[in-house]
Amino acid sequence: MTLERWQPGWSLRPWRPFREILSPSLWSMLANERDWLPATEMLELKDKYLIKAEMPGINEEDIEVSVSDNVLTIKGEKKYTSEVSEENYYFSERSYGSFSRSMTLPNNTSIQNIAATLDNGILEISIPKVSEAKAKKVSVTKAAKARKANINTKPGNPKTKS
């Protein structure tokens, strides 16, 4: 018995002989074969953003978290370990292989203090918020008044106000 990955929906099983003549990318698109992505959620809390990703069966050394240009990227690999002989296999709906997930972070994040932990198959990434800069009101004056004020306050000028 040949072991095949089950895909819901349209089946290309009758077309398998044509797999060799189609380009691998076209075959993957037609067969709906794609890398898997871990289910992810992002929460906004009072002082931080929290990203949680489901990663059952993945070790922390197989996960890479990086930030570049305010984009957080999670990469990793869920490795296939064959513990069951083929004659006992009926089907498998589990996904294996490498994955990459990227998301743009809000502007008010502190990327220097990001922390990531893996516990019971859940990757948790904590991204602290930075305090937003306070708005500053700038008064507008006529250019002639500003120039006159600069002249009168130069040191050594007899009109200097003390």
Protein backbone atom coordinates (compact mmCIF):
# COMPACT_ATOMS: atom_id res chain seq x y z
CA MET A 1 0.00 0.00 0.00
CA THR A 2 1.37 3.42 -0.97
CA LEU A 3 1.09 6.10 1.68
CA GLU A 4 -0.36 9.39 0.38
CA ARG A 5 -1.10 12.64 2.12
CA TRP A 6 -4.85 13.20 2.22
CA GLN A 7 -6.10 16.55 0.95
CA PRO A 8 -9.74 17.57 1.35
CA GLY A 9 -11.57 18.72 -1.76
CA TRP A 10 -10.66 18.04 -5.35
CA SER A 11 -8.42 15.04 -5.89
CA LEU A 12 -5.62 14.83 -8.46
CA ARG A 13 -5.14 11.09 -7.94
CA PRO A 14 -6.19 10.21 -11.54
CA TRP A 15 -3.66 12.77 -12.82
CA ARG A 16 -0.63 11.39 -10.93
CA PRO A 17 1.05 10.10 -14.16
CA PHE A 18 1.20 13.71 -15.39
CA ARG A 19 3.06 14.90 -12.30
CA GLU A 20 6.43 14.34 -14.01
CA ILE A 21 5.60 16.57 -17.00
CA LEU A 22 4.14 19.47 -14.99
CA SER A 23 6.44 21.93 -13.25
CA PRO A 24 6.67 21.32 -9.48
CA SER A 25 5.19 24.76 -8.70
CA LEU A 26 2.22 24.19 -11.03
CA TRP A 27 1.62 20.73 -9.56
CA SER A 28 1.76 22.12 -6.01
CA MET A 29 -0.74 24.83 -6.92
CA LEU A 30 -3.13 22.35 -8.60
CA ALA A 31 -2.78 19.72 -5.88
CA ASN A 32 -3.20 22.32 -3.11
CA GLU A 33 0.09 21.15 -1.58
CA ARG A 34 1.54 23.96 0.48
CA ASP A 35 3.57 24.66 3.54
CA TRP A 36 1.57 24.78 6.73
CA LEU A 37 1.24 27.80 8.97
CA PRO A 38 0.73 27.62 12.72
CA ALA A 39 -2.54 29.12 13.94
CA THR A 40 -1.70 32.55 15.38
CA GLU A 41 -3.40 35.31 17.35
CA MET A 42 -2.26 38.79 18.41
CA LEU A 43 -3.62 40.56 21.47
CA GLU A 44 -3.17 44.16 22.60
CA LEU A 45 -2.82 44.54 26.34
CA LYS A 46 -2.29 47.72 28.37
CA ASP A 47 1.51 47.64 28.33
CA LYS A 48 2.37 45.13 25.56
CA TYR A 49 1.31 43.16 22.52
CA LEU A 50 1.09 39.40 22.88
CA ILE A 51 1.39 36.97 19.98
CA LYS A 52 0.46 33.33 20.52
CA ALA A 53 1.15 30.62 17.93
CA GLU A 54 0.23 26.93 18.13
CA MET A 55 3.32 24.79 17.63
CA PRO A 56 2.63 21.29 18.94
CA GLY A 57 5.48 18.85 18.47
CA ILE A 58 8.08 21.54 17.70
CA ASN A 59 11.18 22.04 19.84
CA GLU A 60 12.39 25.53 20.73
CA GLU A 61 15.64 24.97 18.82
CA ASP A 62 13.56 24.49 15.64
CA ILE A 63 11.95 27.96 15.97
CA GLU A 64 13.49 31.29 14.94
CA VAL A 65 11.93 34.65 15.85
CA SER A 66 13.35 37.82 14.29
CA VAL A 67 12.39 41.48 13.74
CA SER A 68 13.52 43.63 10.85
CA ASP A 69 12.02 46.96 9.70
CA ASN A 70 9.14 46.56 12.20
CA VAL A 71 8.18 43.15 10.73
CA LEU A 72 8.16 40.17 13.08
CA THR A 73 8.97 36.84 11.41
CA ILE A 74 8.49 33.41 12.93
CA LYS A 75 10.26 30.57 11.09
CA GLY A 76 10.59 26.95 11.98
CA GLU A 77 10.19 23.35 11.04
CA LYS A 78 7.92 20.60 12.24
CA LYS A 79 9.94 17.47 11.62
CA TYR A 80 8.36 14.19 10.61
CA THR A 81 9.28 11.27 12.81
CA SER A 82 8.15 7.88 11.55
CA GLU A 83 7.21 5.72 14.51
CA VAL A 84 4.43 3.75 12.82
CA SER A 85 5.01 1.14 10.12
CA GLU A 86 3.32 1.73 6.74
CA GLU A 87 1.12 -1.36 6.97
CA ASN A 88 -0.59 0.14 10.06
CA TYR A 89 -1.15 3.55 8.42
CA TYR A 90 -4.59 4.45 7.02
CA PHE A 91 -4.26 8.22 6.60
CA SER A 92 -2.65 11.27 8.16
CA GLU A 93 -4.04 14.82 8.34
CA ARG A 94 -1.06 16.21 10.24
CA SER A 95 1.16 18.78 8.57
CA TYR A 96 4.94 18.66 8.55
CA GLY A 97 7.69 20.75 7.07
CA SER A 98 9.03 24.26 7.30
CA PHE A 99 6.96 27.38 7.81
CA SER A 100 7.44 31.12 7.84
CA ARG A 101 4.96 33.64 9.20
CA SER A 102 5.47 37.44 9.09
CA MET A 103 3.42 40.26 10.54
CA THR A 104 3.87 44.02 10.72
CA LEU A 105 4.16 45.35 14.26
CA PRO A 106 2.43 48.55 15.39
CA ASN A 107 4.64 51.65 15.52
CA ASN A 108 4.53 51.94 19.31
CA THR A 109 6.54 48.76 20.01
CA SER A 110 9.94 48.32 21.65
CA ILE A 111 11.73 45.70 19.57
CA GLN A 112 14.79 45.67 21.86
CA ASN A 113 12.84 44.00 24.69
CA ILE A 114 10.92 41.27 22.83
CA ALA A 115 10.72 37.94 24.69
CA ALA A 116 9.63 34.55 23.32
CA THR A 117 8.75 31.41 25.29
CA LEU A 118 7.50 27.98 24.25
CA ASP A 119 5.26 26.17 26.73
CA ASN A 120 3.04 23.14 26.06
CA GLY A 121 3.16 23.68 22.29
CA ILE A 122 2.25 27.38 22.45
CA LEU A 123 4.83 29.96 21.36
CA GLU A 124 4.21 33.22 23.22
CA ILE A 125 5.93 36.40 22.05
CA SER A 126 5.70 39.45 24.30
CA ILE A 127 6.37 42.83 22.68
CA PRO A 128 6.42 45.80 25.09
CA LYS A 129 4.83 49.08 24.09
CA VAL A 130 6.79 52.32 24.23
CA SER A 131 5.20 55.38 25.75
CA GLU A 132 3.94 57.60 23.01
CA ALA A 133 5.63 60.96 22.63
CA LYS A 134 3.60 63.82 24.07
CA ALA A 135 2.40 66.37 21.56
CA LYS A 136 4.16 69.72 21.80
CA LYS A 137 2.44 72.92 20.83
CA VAL A 138 4.66 75.34 18.92
CA SER A 139 3.64 78.98 18.79
CA VAL A 140 3.81 80.72 15.45
CA THR A 141 5.14 84.31 15.25
CA LYS A 142 5.70 86.73 12.40
CA ALA A 143 9.14 86.42 10.83
CA ALA A 144 9.97 90.14 11.38
CA LYS A 145 9.29 89.85 15.14
CA ALA A 146 11.45 86.73 15.37
CA ARG A 147 14.39 88.39 13.60
CA LYS A 148 14.10 91.51 15.79
CA ALA A 149 14.00 89.36 18.94
CA ASN A 150 17.20 87.55 17.85
CA ILE A 151 19.03 90.84 17.17
CA ASN A 152 18.09 92.37 20.52
CA THR A 153 19.29 89.39 22.52
CA LYS A 154 22.84 89.11 21.09
CA PRO A 155 25.57 89.54 23.74
CA GLY A 156 27.34 92.90 23.65
CA ASN A 157 24.37 94.66 22.01
CA PRO A 158 23.47 97.84 23.90
CA LYS A 159 19.79 97.04 23.41
CA THR A 160 20.18 93.64 25.13
CA LYS A 161 17.57 93.03 27.77
CA SER A 162 18.91 91.84 31.09
